[in-house]
Protein backbone atom coordinates (compact mmCIF):
# COMPACT_ATOMS: atom_id res chain seq x y z
CA MET A 1 107.69 107.74 77.18
CA ASN A 2 108.52 111.06 75.58
CA LEU A 3 104.99 111.25 74.15
CA ILE A 4 103.43 110.93 77.62
CA GLN A 5 105.81 113.54 79.05
CA ARG A 6 104.91 115.98 76.27
CA PHE A 7 101.21 115.33 76.77
CA MET A 8 101.40 115.89 80.55
CA TYR A 9 103.52 119.05 80.25
CA GLY A 10 101.60 121.95 81.81
CA ARG A 11 99.00 119.66 83.38
CA TYR A 12 98.46 119.18 87.10
CA GLY A 13 99.19 115.46 87.58
CA TRP A 14 98.94 113.56 90.89
CA ASP A 15 98.49 114.71 94.46
CA HIS A 16 97.07 113.39 97.74
CA LEU A 17 93.49 114.22 96.80
CA ASN A 18 93.75 112.26 93.54
CA VAL A 19 95.15 109.25 95.38
CA PHE A 20 92.23 109.47 97.83
CA LEU A 21 89.74 109.76 94.98
CA LEU A 22 91.19 106.72 93.21
CA ALA A 23 91.09 104.70 96.44
CA LEU A 24 87.45 105.74 96.85
CA CYS A 25 86.87 104.76 93.23
CA LEU A 26 88.33 101.32 93.91
CA ILE A 27 86.06 100.87 96.94
CA PHE A 28 83.00 101.82 94.88
CA CYS A 29 84.11 99.42 92.14
CA ILE A 30 84.40 96.54 94.62
CA LEU A 31 81.01 97.38 96.14
CA ASP A 32 79.48 97.50 92.67
CA THR A 33 80.93 94.06 91.91
CA PHE A 34 79.19 92.53 94.92
CA LEU A 35 75.98 94.59 94.81
CA ARG A 36 74.89 94.48 91.16
CA GLY A 37 72.39 97.08 89.96
CA SER A 38 73.26 99.51 92.71
CA VAL A 39 74.17 103.18 92.68
CA PHE A 40 77.84 102.34 93.28
CA TYR A 41 78.53 102.06 89.55
CA PHE A 42 77.53 105.68 88.99
CA LEU A 43 79.55 106.80 92.01
CA TYR A 44 82.54 104.84 90.67
CA VAL A 45 82.32 106.48 87.26
CA ALA A 46 81.74 109.98 88.70
CA VAL A 47 84.67 109.79 91.13
CA PHE A 48 86.94 108.41 88.41
CA ALA A 49 85.90 111.24 86.07
CA VAL A 50 86.68 113.85 88.73
CA ALA A 51 90.10 112.28 89.40
CA LEU A 52 90.88 112.18 85.68
CA TYR A 53 89.72 115.78 85.23
CA ARG A 54 91.92 116.94 88.11
CA MET A 55 94.94 115.04 86.78
CA LEU A 56 94.64 116.48 83.27
CA SER A 57 93.68 120.00 84.34
CA ARG A 58 95.79 122.97 83.30
CA ASN A 59 94.40 125.18 86.09
CA ILE A 60 97.24 124.38 88.48
CA PRO A 61 96.56 127.08 91.14
CA ARG A 62 92.97 125.89 91.57
CA ARG A 63 93.99 122.23 91.86
CA ARG A 64 96.66 123.15 94.44
CA ALA A 65 94.06 125.06 96.45
CA GLU A 66 91.75 122.01 96.35
CA ASN A 67 94.57 119.76 97.54
CA ALA A 68 95.53 122.22 100.30
CA LYS A 69 91.94 122.25 101.58
CA PHE A 70 91.87 118.44 101.47
CA MET A 71 95.15 118.25 103.38
CA THR A 72 93.87 120.57 106.13
CA LEU A 73 90.96 118.18 106.62
CA ALA A 74 92.74 114.84 106.10
CA GLY A 75 96.28 115.83 107.15
CA PRO A 76 95.91 114.97 110.85
CA ALA A 77 94.50 111.54 110.03
CA ILE A 78 97.29 110.88 107.50
CA ARG A 79 99.96 111.92 110.02
CA TRP A 80 98.36 109.76 112.73
CA VAL A 81 98.37 106.68 110.46
CA LYS A 82 102.00 107.30 109.44
CA LEU A 83 103.05 107.70 113.10
CA ARG A 84 101.28 104.47 114.09
CA ARG A 85 103.00 102.65 111.22
CA THR A 86 106.38 104.06 112.28
CA ILE A 87 105.84 103.07 115.91
CA HIS A 88 104.81 99.56 114.87
CA ARG A 89 107.87 99.10 112.63
CA ASP A 90 110.43 100.65 115.00
CA LYS A 91 111.47 97.89 117.39
CA GLU A 92 114.50 99.75 118.77
CA HIS A 93 112.67 102.74 120.28
CA ARG A 94 109.69 103.57 122.51
CA TYR A 95 107.49 106.55 121.81
CA PHE A 96 106.04 108.76 124.53
CA LYS A 97 103.83 111.81 124.44
CA CYS A 98 104.83 114.81 126.56
CA PRO A 99 102.21 115.32 129.29
CA ASN A 100 102.53 119.10 128.99
CA CYS A 101 102.59 119.92 125.27
CA GLY A 102 101.76 116.61 123.55
CA GLN A 103 105.04 116.41 121.58
CA GLN A 104 105.96 112.87 120.46
CA LEU A 105 109.29 111.79 121.97
CA ARG A 106 111.39 108.80 120.91
CA VAL A 107 113.74 107.06 123.36
CA PRO A 108 115.81 103.86 123.01
CA ARG A 109 114.31 100.63 124.34
CA GLY A 110 115.83 98.62 127.16
CA LYS A 111 117.33 101.45 129.24
CA GLY A 112 115.15 100.80 132.31
CA LYS A 113 113.49 103.70 134.09
CA ILE A 114 114.79 106.99 132.70
CA THR A 115 113.99 110.67 132.93
CA ILE A 116 112.74 112.05 129.62
CA THR A 117 113.02 115.76 128.92
CA CYS A 118 110.76 117.24 126.28
CA ARG A 119 112.66 119.16 123.60
CA ASN A 120 109.70 121.41 122.95
CA CYS A 121 108.69 122.67 126.41
CA GLY A 122 111.47 121.37 128.73
CA VAL A 123 109.23 119.32 131.05
CA SER A 124 110.87 116.23 132.57
CA PHE A 125 109.02 113.03 133.41
CA ASP A 126 110.02 109.47 134.35
CA GLU A 127 109.09 106.49 132.18
CA LYS A 128 110.15 102.87 131.84
CA THR A 129 111.64 101.92 128.48
């Protein structure tokens, strides 16, 4: 374990873009398994090489800039998926969107018809929980 820590010292490591690249690599690998002799093998190897290069890179500011650009593009989709997962798992609350500003509001279930006040803009609206 100490050998791996010493080897990775000063290198960039993992981030959201690398996780995305490895998921894309896995998809290309599966497609290559089913579609033999296709271009997916070369895409799989190229994406894996880029992910490995980014992980072992010592140019940390450049890799952070790449990840920041990726997060500006993919961040809203990632947040949307995480919110949907949270709403699906949370059985004790209902989630509403403020009609004025779009802020997500969480209220307890089973309280009947209540007045919800947005914390962000102060607008009140009635909803059934």
